[in-house]
PDB file of N, CA and C in Angstrom:
ATOM      1  N   MET A   1      32.154 159.704 182.658  1.00  0.00           N
ATOM      2  CA  MET A   1      32.376 161.137 183.056  1.00  0.00           C
ATOM      3  C   MET A   1      30.768 161.428 183.622  1.00  0.00           C
ATOM      4  N   ASN A   2      31.197 162.253 185.312  1.00  0.00           N
ATOM      5  CA  ASN A   2      30.343 162.538 186.115  1.00  0.00           C
ATOM      6  C   ASN A   2      29.165 164.108 185.582  1.00  0.00           C
ATOM      7  N   VAL A   3      28.738 162.994 185.295  1.00  0.00           N
ATOM      8  CA  VAL A   3      27.168 163.965 185.409  1.00  0.00           C
ATOM      9  C   VAL A   3      26.687 165.015 186.237  1.00  0.00           C
ATOM     10  N   GLU A   4      27.144 164.867 187.105  1.00  0.00           N
ATOM     11  CA  GLU A   4      26.821 165.705 188.401  1.00  0.00           C
ATOM     12  C   GLU A   4      27.575 166.764 188.325  1.00  0.00           C
ATOM     13  N   ARG A   5      28.956 166.362 187.855  1.00  0.00           N
ATOM     14  CA  ARG A   5      30.166 167.316 187.053  1.00  0.00           C
ATOM     15  C   ARG A   5      29.792 168.378 186.322  1.00  0.00           C
ATOM     16  N   LEU A   6      28.632 168.052 185.725  1.00  0.00           N
ATOM     17  CA  LEU A   6      28.483 168.916 184.765  1.00  0.00           C
ATOM     18  C   LEU A   6      27.181 169.448 184.781  1.00  0.00           C
ATOM     19  N   SER A   7      26.888 169.376 185.911  1.00  0.00           N
ATOM     20  CA  SER A   7      25.677 169.985 186.440  1.00  0.00           C
ATOM     21  C   SER A   7      26.031 172.524 185.979  1.00  0.00           C
ATOM     22  N   GLY A   8      26.958 172.577 186.088  1.00  0.00           N
ATOM     23  CA  GLY A   8      27.043 174.424 185.359  1.00  0.00           C
ATOM     24  C   GLY A   8      27.585 174.280 184.193  1.00  0.00           C
ATOM     25  N   LEU A   9      26.576 173.028 183.289  1.00  0.00           N
ATOM     26  CA  LEU A   9      26.959 173.172 181.558  1.00  0.00           C
ATOM     27  C   LEU A   9      25.443 173.561 181.140  1.00  0.00           C
ATOM     28  N   VAL A  10      25.492 175.237 180.629  1.00  0.00           N
ATOM     29  CA  VAL A  10      24.875 175.451 179.693  1.00  0.00           C
ATOM     30  C   VAL A  10      24.808 175.926 178.266  1.00  0.00           C
ATOM     31  N   LEU A  11      24.436 175.533 177.399  1.00  0.00           N
ATOM     32  CA  LEU A  11      24.014 175.618 176.145  1.00  0.00           C
ATOM     33  C   LEU A  11      23.048 176.154 175.797  1.00  0.00           C
ATOM     34  N   TYR A  12      23.236 177.868 174.999  1.00  0.00           N
ATOM     35  CA  TYR A  12      22.258 179.425 174.628  1.00  0.00           C
ATOM     36  C   TYR A  12      21.962 178.082 173.657  1.00  0.00           C
ATOM     37  N   VAL A  13      20.453 178.218 173.430  1.00  0.00           N
ATOM     38  CA  VAL A  13      20.515 177.601 171.803  1.00  0.00           C
ATOM     39  C   VAL A  13      19.075 178.950 171.064  1.00  0.00           C
ATOM     40  N   ARG A  14      18.678 178.679 170.168  1.00  0.00           N
ATOM     41  CA  ARG A  14      17.350 178.963 169.063  1.00  0.00           C
ATOM     42  C   ARG A  14      16.716 178.202 168.807  1.00  0.00           C
ATOM     43  N   GLU A  15      15.293 178.024 168.966  1.00  0.00           N
ATOM     44  CA  GLU A  15      14.436 176.803 168.482  1.00  0.00           C
ATOM     45  C   GLU A  15      14.880 176.852 166.815  1.00  0.00           C
ATOM     46  N   GLY A  16      14.952 176.136 165.984  1.00  0.00           N
ATOM     47  CA  GLY A  16      15.224 176.414 164.086  1.00  0.00           C
ATOM     48  C   GLY A  16      16.241 176.804 163.633  1.00  0.00           C
ATOM     49  N   CYS A  17      17.481 176.571 164.671  1.00  0.00           N
ATOM     50  CA  CYS A  17      18.728 177.127 164.995  1.00  0.00           C
ATOM     51  C   CYS A  17      19.696 176.109 163.746  1.00  0.00           C
ATOM     52  N   HIS A  18      20.018 175.947 162.508  1.00  0.00           N
ATOM     53  CA  HIS A  18      21.210 174.454 162.590  1.00  0.00           C
ATOM     54  C   HIS A  18      22.630 174.760 162.585  1.00  0.00           C
ATOM     55  N   LEU A  19      22.772 176.043 163.609  1.00  0.00           N
ATOM     56  CA  LEU A  19      24.139 176.098 163.999  1.00  0.00           C
ATOM     57  C   LEU A  19      23.913 175.592 165.725  1.00  0.00           C
ATOM     58  N   CYS A  20      22.950 175.862 165.738  1.00  0.00           N
ATOM     59  CA  CYS A  20      22.858 175.046 167.268  1.00  0.00           C
ATOM     60  C   CYS A  20      22.396 173.733 167.648  1.00  0.00           C
ATOM     61  N   GLU A  21      21.760 173.080 167.084  1.00  0.00           N
ATOM     62  CA  GLU A  21      21.651 171.079 166.365  1.00  0.00           C
ATOM     63  C   GLU A  21      23.245 171.275 165.822  1.00  0.00           C
ATOM     64  N   GLN A  22      23.895 171.605 164.647  1.00  0.00           N
ATOM     65  CA  GLN A  22      25.070 171.110 164.716  1.00  0.00           C
ATOM     66  C   GLN A  22      26.500 171.690 165.664  1.00  0.00           C
ATOM     67  N   PHE A  23      25.744 171.605 166.463  1.00  0.00           N
ATOM     68  CA  PHE A  23      26.661 171.903 168.044  1.00  0.00           C
ATOM     69  C   PHE A  23      26.018 170.888 168.680  1.00  0.00           C
ATOM     70  N   LEU A  24      25.097 170.989 168.825  1.00  0.00           N
ATOM     71  CA  LEU A  24      24.641 169.884 169.986  1.00  0.00           C
ATOM     72  C   LEU A  24      25.148 168.152 169.554  1.00  0.00           C
ATOM     73  N   ILE A  25      25.047 168.539 168.527  1.00  0.00           N
ATOM     74  CA  ILE A  25      25.987 167.002 167.470  1.00  0.00           C
ATOM     75  C   ILE A  25      26.962 166.926 168.506  1.00  0.00           C
ATOM     76  N   GLU A  26      27.676 167.895 167.613  1.00  0.00           N
ATOM     77  CA  GLU A  26      29.314 167.956 168.430  1.00  0.00           C
ATOM     78  C   GLU A  26      30.079 167.645 169.671  1.00  0.00           C
ATOM     79  N   LEU A  27      28.861 168.995 170.626  1.00  0.00           N
ATOM     80  CA  LEU A  27      28.768 168.171 171.655  1.00  0.00           C
ATOM     81  C   LEU A  27      29.191 167.021 173.237  1.00  0.00           C
ATOM     82  N   SER A  28      27.711 166.563 171.404  1.00  0.00           N
ATOM     83  CA  SER A  28      27.129 164.526 172.335  1.00  0.00           C
ATOM     84  C   SER A  28      28.111 164.119 171.883  1.00  0.00           C
ATOM     85  N   VAL A  29      29.116 163.603 171.179  1.00  0.00           N
ATOM     86  CA  VAL A  29      30.137 162.795 170.549  1.00  0.00           C
ATOM     87  C   VAL A  29      31.095 163.339 171.724  1.00  0.00           C
ATOM     88  N   ASP A  30      31.677 164.522 172.138  1.00  0.00           N
ATOM     89  CA  ASP A  30      32.854 164.966 172.949  1.00  0.00           C
ATOM     90  C   ASP A  30      32.402 164.654 174.265  1.00  0.00           C
ATOM     91  N   ILE A  31      30.973 164.451 175.116  1.00  0.00           N
ATOM     92  CA  ILE A  31      30.916 164.703 176.217  1.00  0.00           C
ATOM     93  C   ILE A  31      30.042 162.781 175.761  1.00  0.00           C
ATOM     94  N   GLY A  32      29.450 162.481 175.295  1.00  0.00           N
ATOM     95  CA  GLY A  32      28.545 161.029 175.698  1.00  0.00           C
ATOM     96  C   GLY A  32      27.665 160.849 176.213  1.00  0.00           C
ATOM     97  N   PRO A  33      27.336 160.019 177.000  1.00  0.00           N
ATOM     98  CA  PRO A  33      26.517 159.857 177.986  1.00  0.00           C
ATOM     99  C   PRO A  33      26.353 161.232 179.028  1.00  0.00           C
ATOM    100  N   ALA A  34      27.180 161.748 179.414  1.00  0.00           N
ATOM    101  CA  ALA A  34      26.845 162.506 180.365  1.00  0.00           C
ATOM    102  C   ALA A  34      26.673 163.897 179.237  1.00  0.00           C
ATOM    103  N   VAL A  35      25.732 163.817 178.282  1.00  0.00           N
ATOM    104  CA  VAL A  35      24.852 164.930 177.509  1.00  0.00           C
ATOM    105  C   VAL A  35      23.348 165.379 178.085  1.00  0.00           C
ATOM    106  N   GLU A  36      23.412 164.021 178.603  1.00  0.00           N
ATOM    107  CA  GLU A  36      22.461 164.241 179.734  1.00  0.00           C
ATOM    108  C   GLU A  36      22.444 165.559 181.164  1.00  0.00           C
ATOM    109  N   GLY A  37      23.546 165.501 181.535  1.00  0.00           N
ATOM    110  CA  GLY A  37      23.796 166.165 182.259  1.00  0.00           C
ATOM    111  C   GLY A  37      23.670 167.863 181.991  1.00  0.00           C
ATOM    112  N   LEU A  38      23.053 168.155 180.541  1.00  0.00           N
ATOM    113  CA  LEU A  38      23.509 170.028 180.239  1.00  0.00           C
ATOM    114  C   LEU A  38      22.312 170.699 180.200  1.00  0.00           C
ATOM    115  N   ARG A  39      22.314 171.648 180.730  1.00  0.00           N
ATOM    116  CA  ARG A  39      20.543 172.040 180.197  1.00  0.00           C
ATOM    117  C   ARG A  39      20.917 172.891 179.038  1.00  0.00           C
ATOM    118  N   VAL A  40      20.342 173.340 178.438  1.00  0.00           N
ATOM    119  CA  VAL A  40      20.035 173.631 176.618  1.00  0.00           C
ATOM    120  C   VAL A  40      18.227 174.227 176.903  1.00  0.00           C
ATOM    121  N   LEU A  41      18.596 175.986 177.073  1.00  0.00           N
ATOM    122  CA  LEU A  41      18.087 177.264 177.413  1.00  0.00           C
ATOM    123  C   LEU A  41      17.645 177.579 175.892  1.00  0.00           C
ATOM    124  N   ASP A  42      16.781 177.975 175.847  1.00  0.00           N
ATOM    125  CA  ASP A  42      16.270 178.587 174.253  1.00  0.00           C
ATOM    126  C   ASP A  42      15.907 180.192 174.404  1.00  0.00           C
ATOM    127  N   VAL A  43      17.041 181.216 174.440  1.00  0.00           N
ATOM    128  CA  VAL A  43      16.910 181.948 174.271  1.00  0.00           C
ATOM    129  C   VAL A  43      15.091 183.145 173.861  1.00  0.00           C
ATOM    130  N   ASP A  44      15.016 182.939 173.357  1.00  0.00           N
ATOM    131  CA  ASP A  44      13.126 183.139 172.508  1.00  0.00           C
ATOM    132  C   ASP A  44      12.435 182.632 173.650  1.00  0.00           C
ATOM    133  N   ARG A  45      12.676 181.323 175.402  1.00  0.00           N
ATOM    134  CA  ARG A  45      11.356 182.246 176.287  1.00  0.00           C
ATOM    135  C   ARG A  45      11.712 182.489 177.224  1.00  0.00           C
ATOM    136  N   ASP A  46      12.779 183.479 177.388  1.00  0.00           N
ATOM    137  CA  ASP A  46      12.842 184.334 177.899  1.00  0.00           C
ATOM    138  C   ASP A  46      13.314 185.404 177.951  1.00  0.00           C
ATOM    139  N   ALA A  47      12.623 186.240 177.838  1.00  0.00           N
ATOM    140  CA  ALA A  47      13.035 188.111 177.605  1.00  0.00           C
ATOM    141  C   ALA A  47      14.466 188.365 177.825  1.00  0.00           C
ATOM    142  N   ASP A  48      15.023 187.577 179.515  1.00  0.00           N
ATOM    143  CA  ASP A  48      16.090 188.459 179.967  1.00  0.00           C
ATOM    144  C   ASP A  48      17.462 188.131 178.983  1.00  0.00           C
ATOM    145  N   LEU A  49      17.105 186.714 178.798  1.00  0.00           N
ATOM    146  CA  LEU A  49      18.151 185.885 177.941  1.00  0.00           C
ATOM    147  C   LEU A  49      18.085 186.864 176.406  1.00  0.00           C
ATOM    148  N   ALA A  50      16.612 186.714 175.559  1.00  0.00           N
ATOM    149  CA  ALA A  50      16.695 187.455 174.440  1.00  0.00           C
ATOM    150  C   ALA A  50      17.724 188.760 174.546  1.00  0.00           C
ATOM    151  N   VAL A  51      17.664 189.381 175.248  1.00  0.00           N
ATOM    152  CA  VAL A  51      18.453 190.559 175.471  1.00  0.00           C
ATOM    153  C   VAL A  51      20.093 190.651 175.558  1.00  0.00           C
ATOM    154  N   ARG A  52      19.814 189.302 176.366  1.00  0.00           N
ATOM    155  CA  ARG A  52      21.456 189.040 177.039  1.00  0.00           C
ATOM    156  C   ARG A  52      21.835 188.743 175.495  1.00  0.00           C
ATOM    157  N   PHE A  53      21.450 187.895 175.497  1.00  0.00           N
ATOM    158  CA  PHE A  53      22.137 187.017 173.650  1.00  0.00           C
ATOM    159  C   PHE A  53      21.474 187.841 172.045  1.00  0.00           C
ATOM    160  N   GLY A  54      20.752 187.829 172.200  1.00  0.00           N
ATOM    161  CA  GLY A  54      20.102 188.697 170.755  1.00  0.00           C
ATOM    162  C   GLY A  54      20.242 187.415 170.120  1.00  0.00           C
ATOM    163  N   LEU A  55      21.492 187.752 169.196  1.00  0.00           N
ATOM    164  CA  LEU A  55      21.445 186.599 168.073  1.00  0.00           C
ATOM    165  C   LEU A  55      22.805 185.568 168.123  1.00  0.00           C
ATOM    166  N   ARG A  56      23.777 185.749 169.071  1.00  0.00           N
ATOM    167  CA  ARG A  56      24.743 185.223 169.579  1.00  0.00           C
ATOM    168  C   ARG A  56      24.355 183.740 170.360  1.00  0.00           C
ATOM    169  N   VAL A  57      24.264 183.171 168.923  1.00  0.00           N
ATOM    170  CA  VAL A  57      23.307 181.343 169.879  1.00  0.00           C
ATOM    171  C   VAL A  57      24.162 181.120 168.606  1.00  0.00           C
ATOM    172  N   PRO A  58      25.047 179.011 168.966  1.00  0.00           N
ATOM    173  CA  PRO A  58      25.010 178.715 170.012  1.00  0.00           C
ATOM    174  C   PRO A  58      25.892 179.558 170.872  1.00  0.00           C
ATOM    175  N   VAL A  59      25.776 179.707 172.938  1.00  0.00           N
ATOM    176  CA  VAL A  59      26.838 179.963 173.264  1.00  0.00           C
ATOM    177  C   VAL A  59      26.500 178.868 174.203  1.00  0.00           C
ATOM    178  N   LEU A  60      27.691 178.604 174.686  1.00  0.00           N
ATOM    179  CA  LEU A  60      28.067 176.514 176.035  1.00  0.00           C
ATOM    180  C   LEU A  60      28.919 177.748 176.370  1.00  0.00           C
ATOM    181  N   GLU A  61      27.989 177.380 177.921  1.00  0.00           N
ATOM    182  CA  GLU A  61      28.784 178.361 179.012  1.00  0.00           C
ATOM    183  C   GLU A  61      29.428 177.256 179.858  1.00  0.00           C
ATOM    184  N   PHE A  62      30.185 176.730 180.985  1.00  0.00           N
ATOM    185  CA  PHE A  62      30.662 176.185 182.175  1.00  0.00           C
ATOM    186  C   PHE A  62      31.195 176.870 183.118  1.00  0.00           C
ATOM    187  N   ASN A  63      29.901 176.457 183.939  1.00  0.00           N
ATOM    188  CA  ASN A  63      29.761 177.939 186.099  1.00  0.00           C
ATOM    189  C   ASN A  63      30.255 178.731 185.478  1.00  0.00           C
ATOM    190  N   GLY A  64      29.874 179.369 184.980  1.00  0.00           N
ATOM    191  CA  GLY A  64      29.024 181.204 184.530  1.00  0.00           C
ATOM    192  C   GLY A  64      29.922 181.429 183.456  1.00  0.00           C
ATOM    193  N   ASP A  65      31.170 180.653 182.888  1.00  0.00           N
ATOM    194  CA  ASP A  65      32.261 180.973 182.019  1.00  0.00           C
ATOM    195  C   ASP A  65      31.679 180.652 180.460  1.00  0.00           C
ATOM    196  N   VAL A  66      32.218 181.805 179.718  1.00  0.00           N
ATOM    197  CA  VAL A  66      31.675 181.107 177.876  1.00  0.00           C
ATOM    198  C   VAL A  66      32.948 180.429 177.151  1.00  0.00           C
ATOM    199  N   LEU A  67      32.635 178.873 177.475  1.00  0.00           N
ATOM    200  CA  LEU A  67      33.788 178.437 176.154  1.00  0.00           C
ATOM    201  C   LEU A  67      33.588 178.613 174.835  1.00  0.00           C
ATOM    202  N   CYS A  68      32.549 178.302 174.305  1.00  0.00           N
ATOM    203  CA  CYS A  68      32.929 178.910 172.745  1.00  0.00           C
ATOM    204  C   CYS A  68      31.036 179.098 172.302  1.00  0.00           C
ATOM    205  N   GLU A  69      31.459 180.278 171.747  1.00  0.00           N
ATOM    206  CA  GLU A  69      29.667 180.388 170.518  1.00  0.00           C
ATOM    207  C   GLU A  69      30.053 179.876 169.227  1.00  0.00           C
ATOM    208  N   ALA A  70      29.046 179.834 168.243  1.00  0.00           N
ATOM    209  CA  ALA A  70      28.487 179.941 167.246  1.00  0.00           C
ATOM    210  C   ALA A  70      29.361 179.015 166.684  1.00  0.00           C
ATOM    211  N   VAL A  71      30.767 178.677 166.777  1.00  0.00           N
ATOM    212  CA  VAL A  71      30.934 177.081 166.338  1.00  0.00           C
ATOM    213  C   VAL A  71      31.489 176.235 168.142  1.00  0.00           C
ATOM    214  N   TYR A  72      31.523 175.303 167.921  1.00  0.00           N
ATOM    215  CA  TYR A  72      31.647 174.299 167.935  1.00  0.00           C
ATOM    216  C   TYR A  72      33.315 174.324 168.364  1.00  0.00           C
ATOM    217  N   ASP A  73      33.921 174.341 169.547  1.00  0.00           N
ATOM    218  CA  ASP A  73      35.377 174.568 169.962  1.00  0.00           C
ATOM    219  C   ASP A  73      36.133 173.056 170.849  1.00  0.00           C
ATOM    220  N   GLY A  74      36.235 171.979 170.157  1.00  0.00           N
ATOM    221  CA  GLY A  74      36.524 170.621 170.867  1.00  0.00           C
ATOM    222  C   GLY A  74      37.302 170.359 172.020  1.00  0.00           C
ATOM    223  N   PRO A  75      38.315 171.253 170.879  1.00  0.00           N
ATOM    224  CA  PRO A  75      38.888 171.261 172.192  1.00  0.00           C
ATOM    225  C   PRO A  75      39.387 172.254 173.434  1.00  0.00           C
ATOM    226  N   ARG A  76      38.877 172.940 173.235  1.00  0.00           N
ATOM    227  CA  ARG A  76      38.838 173.160 174.547  1.00  0.00           C
ATOM    228  C   ARG A  76      37.907 173.278 175.497  1.00  0.00           C
ATOM    229  N   VAL A  77      36.216 172.614 174.803  1.00  0.00           N
ATOM    230  CA  VAL A  77      35.484 172.210 175.753  1.00  0.00           C
ATOM    231  C   VAL A  77      36.575 171.100 176.606  1.00  0.00           C
ATOM    232  N   ARG A  78      36.892 170.332 175.734  1.00  0.00           N
ATOM    233  CA  ARG A  78      37.127 168.795 176.029  1.00  0.00           C
ATOM    234  C   ARG A  78      38.320 169.433 177.891  1.00  0.00           C
ATOM    235  N   ARG A  79      39.414 170.446 177.223  1.00  0.00           N
ATOM    236  CA  ARG A  79      39.563 170.859 178.189  1.00  0.00           C
ATOM    237  C   ARG A  79      39.605 171.303 179.567  1.00  0.00           C
ATOM    238  N   ALA A  80      38.467 172.046 179.426  1.00  0.00           N
ATOM    239  CA  ALA A  80      37.641 172.895 180.337  1.00  0.00           C
ATOM    240  C   ALA A  80      37.275 171.851 181.031  1.00  0.00           C
ATOM    241  N   LEU A  81      36.138 170.198 181.115  1.00  0.00           N
ATOM    242  CA  LEU A  81      35.679 169.636 180.903  1.00  0.00           C
ATOM    243  C   LEU A  81      36.113 168.665 181.467  1.00  0.00           C
ATOM    244  N   GLY A  82      37.714 168.176 181.565  1.00  0.00           N
ATOM    245  CA  GLY A  82      38.288 167.341 181.197  1.00  0.00           C
ATOM    246  C   GLY A  82      38.344 166.134 181.136  1.00  0.00           C
ATOM    247  N   VAL A  83      37.828 165.764 179.519  1.00  0.00           N
ATOM    248  CA  VAL A  83      37.761 164.662 178.771  1.00  0.00           C
ATOM    249  C   VAL A  83      38.678 164.689 178.006  1.00  0.00           C
TER     250      VAL A  83
END
């Protein structure tokens, strides 16, 4: 999978969030080495993100569209990414 193609893939997380950790593991299994192109942003490190997401983490976006939140939706992610 082309890592450059995934430049629009962003995972919003919170440090110490077990759901976020599990979400990242499942995503890594699906996209393999391309996970290196993933931007992972901690919502607590940016006041605007903290307001935007509140307790809604993890959230995976691709090119600005939410693919899934809280629970990893593998089939939807694979369709969106073409894997």
